[in-house]
Amino acid sequence: MNIYVANIPFRATESELKGLFEQFGEVISAKIILDKFTQRSRGFGFVEMPDSASAQTAISQLNGADFMGKNLVVNEARPRTDAPRGDRQGGGFRKNFNREGY
């Protein structure tokens, strides 16, 4: 099961995140998402556990739990979609533009 983890402290490492979840069972991977430009943590990540029962226990026990001074948000990850994020129409000429600029 893939688990979404939010509100991860910026100083946390992937091995610390993995260790937190290993209390509840085997962890296949733990990944903290980094900003592609600065390579700094974005404060969220994913943990993959092979056993659904262990993963559900980890979710229920760790959601709202304190981790390095921050309360985690933990739930089952939703599958990624190919849908565009947000309205990507951008700016440009406004049709109702009057002479005063409003």
PDB file of N, CA and C in Angstrom:
ATOM      1  N   MET A   1       0.843  -1.181   0.000  1.00  0.00           N
ATOM      2  CA  MET A   1       0.000   0.000   0.000  1.00  0.00           C
ATOM      3  C   MET A   1       0.887   1.242   0.000  1.00  0.00           C
ATOM      4  N   ASN A   2       0.499   2.221  -0.779  1.00  0.00           N
ATOM      5  CA  ASN A   2       1.224   3.482  -0.848  1.00  0.00           C
ATOM      6  C   ASN A   2       0.542   4.478   0.099  1.00  0.00           C
ATOM      7  N   ILE A   3       1.324   5.111   0.945  1.00  0.00           N
ATOM      8  CA  ILE A   3       0.808   6.016   1.979  1.00  0.00           C
ATOM      9  C   ILE A   3       1.341   7.423   1.729  1.00  0.00           C
ATOM     10  N   TYR A   4       0.432   8.407   1.773  1.00  0.00           N
ATOM     11  CA  TYR A   4       0.785   9.817   1.624  1.00  0.00           C
ATOM     12  C   TYR A   4       1.034  10.395   3.015  1.00  0.00           C
ATOM     13  N   VAL A   5       2.141  11.104   3.165  1.00  0.00           N
ATOM     14  CA  VAL A   5       2.492  11.711   4.454  1.00  0.00           C
ATOM     15  C   VAL A   5       2.756  13.198   4.227  1.00  0.00           C
ATOM     16  N   ALA A   6       2.010  14.051   4.911  1.00  0.00           N
ATOM     17  CA  ALA A   6       2.179  15.502   4.777  1.00  0.00           C
ATOM     18  C   ALA A   6       2.603  16.100   6.110  1.00  0.00           C
ATOM     19  N   ASN A   7       3.062  17.333   6.047  1.00  0.00           N
ATOM     20  CA  ASN A   7       3.513  18.094   7.211  1.00  0.00           C
ATOM     21  C   ASN A   7       4.783  17.487   7.812  1.00  0.00           C
ATOM     22  N   ILE A   8       5.625  16.940   6.934  1.00  0.00           N
ATOM     23  CA  ILE A   8       6.911  16.386   7.369  1.00  0.00           C
ATOM     24  C   ILE A   8       7.856  17.550   7.649  1.00  0.00           C
ATOM     25  N   PRO A   9       8.530  17.553   8.794  1.00  0.00           N
ATOM     26  CA  PRO A   9       9.486  18.629   9.076  1.00  0.00           C
ATOM     27  C   PRO A   9      10.566  18.686   7.981  1.00  0.00           C
ATOM     28  N   PHE A  10      10.976  19.885   7.617  1.00  0.00           N
ATOM     29  CA  PHE A  10      11.949  20.064   6.544  1.00  0.00           C
ATOM     30  C   PHE A  10      13.292  19.414   6.864  1.00  0.00           C
ATOM     31  N   ARG A  11      13.628  19.269   8.135  1.00  0.00           N
ATOM     32  CA  ARG A  11      14.919  18.693   8.508  1.00  0.00           C
ATOM     33  C   ARG A  11      14.889  17.162   8.551  1.00  0.00           C
ATOM     34  N   ALA A  12      13.722  16.551   8.413  1.00  0.00           N
ATOM     35  CA  ALA A  12      13.605  15.090   8.474  1.00  0.00           C
ATOM     36  C   ALA A  12      14.250  14.436   7.262  1.00  0.00           C
ATOM     37  N   THR A  13      14.814  13.262   7.485  1.00  0.00           N
ATOM     38  CA  THR A  13      15.427  12.504   6.388  1.00  0.00           C
ATOM     39  C   THR A  13      14.519  11.330   6.014  1.00  0.00           C
ATOM     40  N   GLU A  14      14.784  10.771   4.848  1.00  0.00           N
ATOM     41  CA  GLU A  14      14.006   9.618   4.405  1.00  0.00           C
ATOM     42  C   GLU A  14      14.206   8.432   5.342  1.00  0.00           C
ATOM     43  N   SER A  15      15.410   8.257   5.878  1.00  0.00           N
ATOM     44  CA  SER A  15      15.656   7.132   6.794  1.00  0.00           C
ATOM     45  C   SER A  15      14.894   7.324   8.109  1.00  0.00           C
ATOM     46  N   GLU A  16      14.753   8.564   8.576  1.00  0.00           N
ATOM     47  CA  GLU A  16      13.965   8.828   9.790  1.00  0.00           C
ATOM     48  C   GLU A  16      12.485   8.556   9.537  1.00  0.00           C
ATOM     49  N   LEU A  17      12.012   8.939   8.363  1.00  0.00           N
ATOM     50  CA  LEU A  17      10.610   8.677   8.007  1.00  0.00           C
ATOM     51  C   LEU A  17      10.375   7.176   7.909  1.00  0.00           C
ATOM     52  N   LYS A  18      11.292   6.466   7.287  1.00  0.00           N
ATOM     53  CA  LYS A  18      11.185   5.011   7.170  1.00  0.00           C
ATOM     54  C   LYS A  18      11.172   4.367   8.554  1.00  0.00           C
ATOM     55  N   GLY A  19      12.052   4.817   9.434  1.00  0.00           N
ATOM     56  CA  GLY A  19      12.110   4.281  10.796  1.00  0.00           C
ATOM     57  C   GLY A  19      10.818   4.480  11.565  1.00  0.00           C
ATOM     58  N   LEU A  20      10.182   5.595  11.348  1.00  0.00           N
ATOM     59  CA  LEU A  20       8.906   5.877  12.008  1.00  0.00           C
ATOM     60  C   LEU A  20       7.857   4.845  11.614  1.00  0.00           C
ATOM     61  N   PHE A  21       7.793   4.517  10.333  1.00  0.00           N
ATOM     62  CA  PHE A  21       6.789   3.576   9.844  1.00  0.00           C
ATOM     63  C   PHE A  21       7.174   2.122  10.108  1.00  0.00           C
ATOM     64  N   GLU A  22       8.455   1.820  10.286  1.00  0.00           N
ATOM     65  CA  GLU A  22       8.892   0.449  10.540  1.00  0.00           C
ATOM     66  C   GLU A  22       8.397  -0.079  11.883  1.00  0.00           C
ATOM     67  N   GLN A  23       7.940   0.802  12.757  1.00  0.00           N
ATOM     68  CA  GLN A  23       7.331   0.369  14.017  1.00  0.00           C
ATOM     69  C   GLN A  23       6.108  -0.501  13.769  1.00  0.00           C
ATOM     70  N   PHE A  24       5.497  -0.339  12.596  1.00  0.00           N
ATOM     71  CA  PHE A  24       4.231  -1.003  12.291  1.00  0.00           C
ATOM     72  C   PHE A  24       4.379  -2.148  11.297  1.00  0.00           C
ATOM     73  N   GLY A  25       5.559  -2.364  10.768  1.00  0.00           N
ATOM     74  CA  GLY A  25       5.766  -3.459   9.823  1.00  0.00           C
ATOM     75  C   GLY A  25       6.833  -3.113   8.801  1.00  0.00           C
ATOM     76  N   GLU A  26       6.983  -3.987   7.830  1.00  0.00           N
ATOM     77  CA  GLU A  26       7.999  -3.813   6.793  1.00  0.00           C
ATOM     78  C   GLU A  26       7.696  -2.597   5.920  1.00  0.00           C
ATOM     79  N   VAL A  27       8.739  -1.841   5.625  1.00  0.00           N
ATOM     80  CA  VAL A  27       8.624  -0.671   4.750  1.00  0.00           C
ATOM     81  C   VAL A  27       9.473  -0.938   3.506  1.00  0.00           C
ATOM     82  N   ILE A  28       8.844  -0.885   2.339  1.00  0.00           N
ATOM     83  CA  ILE A  28       9.564  -1.089   1.081  1.00  0.00           C
ATOM     84  C   ILE A  28      10.377   0.150   0.733  1.00  0.00           C
ATOM     85  N   SER A  29       9.731   1.325   0.857  1.00  0.00           N
ATOM     86  CA  SER A  29      10.433   2.572   0.543  1.00  0.00           C
ATOM     87  C   SER A  29       9.801   3.733   1.287  1.00  0.00           C
ATOM     88  N   ALA A  30      10.615   4.769   1.478  1.00  0.00           N
ATOM     89  CA  ALA A  30      10.156   6.038   2.058  1.00  0.00           C
ATOM     90  C   ALA A  30      10.807   7.141   1.234  1.00  0.00           C
ATOM     91  N   LYS A  31       9.991   8.029   0.695  1.00  0.00           N
ATOM     92  CA  LYS A  31      10.489   9.071  -0.210  1.00  0.00           C
ATOM     93  C   LYS A  31       9.932  10.417   0.220  1.00  0.00           C
ATOM     94  N   ILE A  32      10.831  11.377   0.464  1.00  0.00           N
ATOM     95  CA  ILE A  32      10.427  12.763   0.727  1.00  0.00           C
ATOM     96  C   ILE A  32      10.582  13.520  -0.587  1.00  0.00           C
ATOM     97  N   ILE A  33       9.538  14.209  -0.983  1.00  0.00           N
ATOM     98  CA  ILE A  33       9.541  14.932  -2.259  1.00  0.00           C
ATOM     99  C   ILE A  33      10.337  16.224  -2.112  1.00  0.00           C
ATOM    100  N   LEU A  34      11.241  16.446  -3.078  1.00  0.00           N
ATOM    101  CA  LEU A  34      12.099  17.633  -3.076  1.00  0.00           C
ATOM    102  C   LEU A  34      11.678  18.618  -4.147  1.00  0.00           C
ATOM    103  N   ASP A  35      11.906  19.902  -3.870  1.00  0.00           N
ATOM    104  CA  ASP A  35      11.687  20.944  -4.866  1.00  0.00           C
ATOM    105  C   ASP A  35      12.693  20.747  -5.992  1.00  0.00           C
ATOM    106  N   LYS A  36      12.234  20.796  -7.241  1.00  0.00           N
ATOM    107  CA  LYS A  36      13.147  20.488  -8.340  1.00  0.00           C
ATOM    108  C   LYS A  36      14.210  21.549  -8.573  1.00  0.00           C
ATOM    109  N   PHE A  37      14.007  22.756  -8.081  1.00  0.00           N
ATOM    110  CA  PHE A  37      14.999  23.816  -8.281  1.00  0.00           C
ATOM    111  C   PHE A  37      15.964  23.936  -7.107  1.00  0.00           C
ATOM    112  N   THR A  38      15.436  23.916  -5.881  1.00  0.00           N
ATOM    113  CA  THR A  38      16.276  24.122  -4.698  1.00  0.00           C
ATOM    114  C   THR A  38      16.765  22.815  -4.074  1.00  0.00           C
ATOM    115  N   GLN A  39      16.143  21.684  -4.444  1.00  0.00           N
ATOM    116  CA  GLN A  39      16.460  20.375  -3.864  1.00  0.00           C
ATOM    117  C   GLN A  39      16.204  20.329  -2.354  1.00  0.00           C
ATOM    118  N   ARG A  40      15.323  21.207  -1.862  1.00  0.00           N
ATOM    119  CA  ARG A  40      14.910  21.180  -0.456  1.00  0.00           C
ATOM    120  C   ARG A  40      13.575  20.466  -0.335  1.00  0.00           C
ATOM    121  N   SER A  41      13.326  19.908   0.830  1.00  0.00           N
ATOM    122  CA  SER A  41      12.083  19.185   1.083  1.00  0.00           C
ATOM    123  C   SER A  41      10.872  20.078   0.836  1.00  0.00           C
ATOM    124  N   ARG A  42       9.827  19.489   0.263  1.00  0.00           N
ATOM    125  CA  ARG A  42       8.562  20.210   0.082  1.00  0.00           C
ATOM    126  C   ARG A  42       7.607  19.925   1.233  1.00  0.00           C
ATOM    127  N   GLY A  43       8.036  19.096   2.194  1.00  0.00           N
ATOM    128  CA  GLY A  43       7.223  18.851   3.390  1.00  0.00           C
ATOM    129  C   GLY A  43       6.215  17.723   3.260  1.00  0.00           C
ATOM    130  N   PHE A  44       6.323  16.939   2.188  1.00  0.00           N
ATOM    131  CA  PHE A  44       5.446  15.780   2.073  1.00  0.00           C
ATOM    132  C   PHE A  44       6.198  14.648   1.381  1.00  0.00           C
ATOM    133  N   GLY A  45       5.632  13.454   1.476  1.00  0.00           N
ATOM    134  CA  GLY A  45       6.292  12.314   0.858  1.00  0.00           C
ATOM    135  C   GLY A  45       5.386  11.102   0.828  1.00  0.00           C
ATOM    136  N   PHE A  46       5.991   9.961   0.505  1.00  0.00           N
ATOM    137  CA  PHE A  46       5.250   8.715   0.365  1.00  0.00           C
ATOM    138  C   PHE A  46       6.019   7.584   1.019  1.00  0.00           C
ATOM    139  N   VAL A  47       5.275   6.687   1.653  1.00  0.00           N
ATOM    140  CA  VAL A  47       5.840   5.494   2.255  1.00  0.00           C
ATOM    141  C   VAL A  47       5.095   4.302   1.655  1.00  0.00           C
ATOM    142  N   GLU A  48       5.847   3.285   1.246  1.00  0.00           N
ATOM    143  CA  GLU A  48       5.226   2.095   0.670  1.00  0.00           C
ATOM    144  C   GLU A  48       5.431   0.920   1.607  1.00  0.00           C
ATOM    145  N   MET A  49       4.310   0.267   1.962  1.00  0.00           N
ATOM    146  CA  MET A  49       4.338  -0.912   2.836  1.00  0.00           C
ATOM    147  C   MET A  49       3.642  -2.061   2.113  1.00  0.00           C
ATOM    148  N   PRO A  50       4.218  -3.280   2.150  1.00  0.00           N
ATOM    149  CA  PRO A  50       3.631  -4.394   1.409  1.00  0.00           C
ATOM    150  C   PRO A  50       2.366  -4.980   2.039  1.00  0.00           C
ATOM    151  N   ASP A  51       2.225  -4.857   3.354  1.00  0.00           N
ATOM    152  CA  ASP A  51       1.092  -5.454   4.063  1.00  0.00           C
ATOM    153  C   ASP A  51       0.024  -4.397   4.346  1.00  0.00           C
ATOM    154  N   SER A  52      -1.175  -4.596   3.787  1.00  0.00           N
ATOM    155  CA  SER A  52      -2.254  -3.614   3.958  1.00  0.00           C
ATOM    156  C   SER A  52      -2.668  -3.434   5.414  1.00  0.00           C
ATOM    157  N   ALA A  53      -2.709  -4.525   6.169  1.00  0.00           N
ATOM    158  CA  ALA A  53      -3.118  -4.422   7.579  1.00  0.00           C
ATOM    159  C   ALA A  53      -2.128  -3.571   8.365  1.00  0.00           C
ATOM    160  N   SER A  54      -0.836  -3.785   8.147  1.00  0.00           N
ATOM    161  CA  SER A  54       0.188  -2.979   8.823  1.00  0.00           C
ATOM    162  C   SER A  54       0.103  -1.525   8.387  1.00  0.00           C
ATOM    163  N   ALA A  55      -0.139  -1.323   7.103  1.00  0.00           N
ATOM    164  CA  ALA A  55      -0.243   0.039   6.580  1.00  0.00           C
ATOM    165  C   ALA A  55      -1.440   0.770   7.188  1.00  0.00           C
ATOM    166  N   GLN A  56      -2.570   0.089   7.307  1.00  0.00           N
ATOM    167  CA  GLN A  56      -3.761   0.713   7.904  1.00  0.00           C
ATOM    168  C   GLN A  56      -3.513   1.053   9.373  1.00  0.00           C
ATOM    169  N   THR A  57      -2.812   0.186  10.075  1.00  0.00           N
ATOM    170  CA  THR A  57      -2.469   0.457  11.477  1.00  0.00           C
ATOM    171  C   THR A  57      -1.560   1.679  11.566  1.00  0.00           C
ATOM    172  N   ALA A  58      -0.560   1.745  10.682  1.00  0.00           N
ATOM    173  CA  ALA A  58       0.352   2.895  10.671  1.00  0.00           C
ATOM    174  C   ALA A  58      -0.410   4.180  10.384  1.00  0.00           C
ATOM    175  N   ILE A  59      -1.329   4.144   9.432  1.00  0.00           N
ATOM    176  CA  ILE A  59      -2.121   5.334   9.090  1.00  0.00           C
ATOM    177  C   ILE A  59      -2.921   5.791  10.301  1.00  0.00           C
ATOM    178  N   SER A  60      -3.625   4.861  10.941  1.00  0.00           N
ATOM    179  CA  SER A  60      -4.469   5.263  12.070  1.00  0.00           C
ATOM    180  C   SER A  60      -3.659   5.743  13.272  1.00  0.00           C
ATOM    181  N   GLN A  61      -2.473   5.150  13.488  1.00  0.00           N
ATOM    182  CA  GLN A  61      -1.650   5.538  14.634  1.00  0.00           C
ATOM    183  C   GLN A  61      -0.854   6.824  14.393  1.00  0.00           C
ATOM    184  N   LEU A  62      -0.441   7.057  13.148  1.00  0.00           N
ATOM    185  CA  LEU A  62       0.452   8.191  12.882  1.00  0.00           C
ATOM    186  C   LEU A  62      -0.263   9.451  12.389  1.00  0.00           C
ATOM    187  N   ASN A  63      -1.498   9.335  11.927  1.00  0.00           N
ATOM    188  CA  ASN A  63      -2.224  10.527  11.488  1.00  0.00           C
ATOM    189  C   ASN A  63      -2.469  11.430  12.698  1.00  0.00           C
ATOM    190  N   GLY A  64      -1.904  12.616  12.662  1.00  0.00           N
ATOM    191  CA  GLY A  64      -2.014  13.566  13.770  1.00  0.00           C
ATOM    192  C   GLY A  64      -0.920  13.406  14.820  1.00  0.00           C
ATOM    193  N   ALA A  65      -0.065  12.402  14.659  1.00  0.00           N
ATOM    194  CA  ALA A  65       1.003  12.160  15.637  1.00  0.00           C
ATOM    195  C   ALA A  65       2.126  13.177  15.470  1.00  0.00           C
ATOM    196  N   ASP A  66       2.808  13.451  16.576  1.00  0.00           N
ATOM    197  CA  ASP A  66       3.939  14.372  16.565  1.00  0.00           C
ATOM    198  C   ASP A  66       5.175  13.670  15.999  1.00  0.00           C
ATOM    199  N   PHE A  67       5.810  14.305  15.033  1.00  0.00           N
ATOM    200  CA  PHE A  67       7.056  13.808  14.459  1.00  0.00           C
ATOM    201  C   PHE A  67       8.000  14.986  14.342  1.00  0.00           C
ATOM    202  N   MET A  68       9.017  15.004  15.203  1.00  0.00           N
ATOM    203  CA  MET A  68      10.017  16.073  15.221  1.00  0.00           C
ATOM    204  C   MET A  68       9.373  17.455  15.388  1.00  0.00           C
ATOM    205  N   GLY A  69       8.333  17.526  16.202  1.00  0.00           N
ATOM    206  CA  GLY A  69       7.701  18.799  16.513  1.00  0.00           C
ATOM    207  C   GLY A  69       6.557  19.214  15.606  1.00  0.00           C
ATOM    208  N   LYS A  70       6.185  18.378  14.624  1.00  0.00           N
ATOM    209  CA  LYS A  70       5.057  18.708  13.742  1.00  0.00           C
ATOM    210  C   LYS A  70       4.065  17.549  13.741  1.00  0.00           C
ATOM    211  N   ASN A  71       2.789  17.873  13.622  1.00  0.00           N
ATOM    212  CA  ASN A  71       1.752  16.850  13.565  1.00  0.00           C
ATOM    213  C   ASN A  71       1.584  16.380  12.131  1.00  0.00           C
ATOM    214  N   LEU A  72       1.834  15.090  11.908  1.00  0.00           N
ATOM    215  CA  LEU A  72       1.755  14.524  10.567  1.00  0.00           C
ATOM    216  C   LEU A  72       0.316  14.381  10.089  1.00  0.00           C
ATOM    217  N   VAL A  73       0.146  14.451   8.783  1.00  0.00           N
ATOM    218  CA  VAL A  73      -1.113  14.108   8.130  1.00  0.00           C
ATOM    219  C   VAL A  73      -0.794  12.856   7.316  1.00  0.00           C
ATOM    220  N   VAL A  74      -1.462  11.748   7.655  1.00  0.00           N
ATOM    221  CA  VAL A  74      -1.139  10.463   7.036  1.00  0.00           C
ATOM    222  C   VAL A  74      -2.419   9.820   6.536  1.00  0.00           C
ATOM    223  N   ASN A  75      -2.447   9.450   5.253  1.00  0.00           N
ATOM    224  CA  ASN A  75      -3.577   8.701   4.707  1.00  0.00           C
ATOM    225  C   ASN A  75      -3.154   7.920   3.472  1.00  0.00           C
ATOM    226  N   GLU A  76      -4.058   7.080   3.002  1.00  0.00           N
ATOM    227  CA  GLU A  76      -3.750   6.267   1.830  1.00  0.00           C
ATOM    228  C   GLU A  76      -3.582   7.178   0.626  1.00  0.00           C
ATOM    229  N   ALA A  77      -2.518   6.937  -0.137  1.00  0.00           N
ATOM    230  CA  ALA A  77      -2.255   7.764  -1.316  1.00  0.00           C
ATOM    231  C   ALA A  77      -3.276   7.452  -2.398  1.00  0.00           C
ATOM    232  N   ARG A  78      -3.737   8.497  -3.071  1.00  0.00           N
ATOM    233  CA  ARG A  78      -4.641   8.309  -4.206  1.00  0.00           C
ATOM    234  C   ARG A  78      -3.802   8.145  -5.459  1.00  0.00           C
ATOM    235  N   PRO A  79      -4.286   7.370  -6.419  1.00  0.00           N
ATOM    236  CA  PRO A  79      -3.521   7.221  -7.663  1.00  0.00           C
ATOM    237  C   PRO A  79      -3.392   8.541  -8.399  1.00  0.00           C
ATOM    238  N   ARG A  80      -2.277   8.727  -9.061  1.00  0.00           N
ATOM    239  CA  ARG A  80      -2.048   9.931  -9.852  1.00  0.00           C
ATOM    240  C   ARG A  80      -2.947   9.945 -11.069  1.00  0.00           C
ATOM    241  N   THR A  81      -3.433  11.116 -11.427  1.00  0.00           N
ATOM    242  CA  THR A  81      -4.252  11.233 -12.636  1.00  0.00           C
ATOM    243  C   THR A  81      -3.494  12.059 -13.663  1.00  0.00           C
ATOM    244  N   ASP A  82      -3.893  11.928 -14.916  1.00  0.00           N
ATOM    245  CA  ASP A  82      -3.269  12.700 -15.985  1.00  0.00           C
ATOM    246  C   ASP A  82      -3.975  14.030 -16.211  1.00  0.00           C
ATOM    247  N   ALA A  83      -4.978  14.321 -15.395  1.00  0.00           N
ATOM    248  CA  ALA A  83      -5.732  15.565 -15.548  1.00  0.00           C
ATOM    249  C   ALA A  83      -4.831  16.761 -15.237  1.00  0.00           C
ATOM    250  N   PRO A  84      -4.997  17.848 -15.974  1.00  0.00           N
ATOM    251  CA  PRO A  84      -4.184  19.040 -15.702  1.00  0.00           C
ATOM    252  C   PRO A  84      -4.514  19.616 -14.331  1.00  0.00           C
ATOM    253  N   ARG A  85      -3.498  20.187 -13.688  1.00  0.00           N
ATOM    254  CA  ARG A  85      -3.692  20.801 -12.374  1.00  0.00           C
ATOM    255  C   ARG A  85      -4.058  22.261 -12.551  1.00  0.00           C
ATOM    256  N   GLY A  86      -5.232  22.632 -12.099  1.00  0.00           N
ATOM    257  CA  GLY A  86      -5.644  24.033 -12.137  1.00  0.00           C
ATOM    258  C   GLY A  86      -5.996  24.514 -13.529  1.00  0.00           C
ATOM    259  N   ASP A  87      -6.364  25.766 -13.626  1.00  0.00           N
ATOM    260  CA  ASP A  87      -6.727  26.389 -14.890  1.00  0.00           C
ATOM    261  C   ASP A  87      -5.475  26.965 -15.515  1.00  0.00           C
ATOM    262  N   ARG A  88      -5.016  26.392 -16.588  1.00  0.00           N
ATOM    263  CA  ARG A  88      -3.754  26.803 -17.216  1.00  0.00           C
ATOM    264  C   ARG A  88      -3.970  27.775 -18.376  1.00  0.00           C
ATOM    265  N   GLN A  89      -5.055  28.561 -18.346  1.00  0.00           N
ATOM    266  CA  GLN A  89      -5.319  29.476 -19.452  1.00  0.00           C
ATOM    267  C   GLN A  89      -4.423  30.700 -19.418  1.00  0.00           C
ATOM    268  N   GLY A  90      -3.952  31.062 -18.244  1.00  0.00           N
ATOM    269  CA  GLY A  90      -3.025  32.184 -18.142  1.00  0.00           C
ATOM    270  C   GLY A  90      -3.694  33.532 -18.331  1.00  0.00           C
ATOM    271  N   GLY A  91      -2.863  34.554 -18.467  1.00  0.00           N
ATOM    272  CA  GLY A  91      -3.370  35.918 -18.622  1.00  0.00           C
ATOM    273  C   GLY A  91      -3.572  36.252 -20.077  1.00  0.00           C
ATOM    274  N   GLY A  92      -3.405  37.492 -20.383  1.00  0.00           N
ATOM    275  CA  GLY A  92      -3.564  37.902 -21.779  1.00  0.00           C
ATOM    276  C   GLY A  92      -4.570  39.019 -21.901  1.00  0.00           C
ATOM    277  N   PHE A  93      -5.029  39.254 -23.114  1.00  0.00           N
ATOM    278  CA  PHE A  93      -5.960  40.335 -23.407  1.00  0.00           C
ATOM    279  C   PHE A  93      -7.314  40.071 -22.768  1.00  0.00           C
ATOM    280  N   ARG A  94      -7.860  41.096 -22.105  1.00  0.00           N
ATOM    281  CA  ARG A  94      -9.180  40.980 -21.500  1.00  0.00           C
ATOM    282  C   ARG A  94     -10.204  41.530 -22.464  1.00  0.00           C
ATOM    283  N   LYS A  95     -11.248  40.768 -22.746  1.00  0.00           N
ATOM    284  CA  LYS A  95     -12.260  41.168 -23.712  1.00  0.00           C
ATOM    285  C   LYS A  95     -13.037  42.409 -23.279  1.00  0.00           C
ATOM    286  N   ASN A  96     -13.302  42.565 -21.998  1.00  0.00           N
ATOM    287  CA  ASN A  96     -14.123  43.668 -21.494  1.00  0.00           C
ATOM    288  C   ASN A  96     -13.279  44.849 -21.015  1.00  0.00           C
ATOM    289  N   PHE A  97     -12.173  45.077 -21.626  1.00  0.00           N
ATOM    290  CA  PHE A  97     -11.269  46.142 -21.241  1.00  0.00           C
ATOM    291  C   PHE A  97     -11.813  47.479 -21.746  1.00  0.00           C
ATOM    292  N   ASN A  98     -11.973  48.456 -20.847  1.00  0.00           N
ATOM    293  CA  ASN A  98     -12.452  49.770 -21.302  1.00  0.00           C
ATOM    294  C   ASN A  98     -11.305  50.781 -21.325  1.00  0.00           C
ATOM    295  N   ARG A  99     -11.566  51.985 -21.767  1.00  0.00           N
ATOM    296  CA  ARG A  99     -10.503  52.991 -21.960  1.00  0.00           C
ATOM    297  C   ARG A  99      -9.844  53.429 -20.657  1.00  0.00           C
ATOM    298  N   GLU A 100     -10.554  53.324 -19.523  1.00  0.00           N
ATOM    299  CA  GLU A 100      -9.983  53.728 -18.249  1.00  0.00           C
ATOM    300  C   GLU A 100      -9.019  52.680 -17.689  1.00  0.00           C
ATOM    301  N   GLY A 101      -8.982  51.512 -18.284  1.00  0.00           N
ATOM    302  CA  GLY A 101      -8.073  50.471 -17.834  1.00  0.00           C
ATOM    303  C   GLY A 101      -8.667  49.544 -16.786  1.00  0.00           C
ATOM    304  N   TYR A 102      -9.987  49.568 -16.638  1.00  0.00           N
ATOM    305  CA  TYR A 102     -10.629  48.707 -15.632  1.00  0.00           C
ATOM    306  C   TYR A 102     -11.364  47.575 -16.298  1.00  0.00           C
TER     307      TYR A 102
END
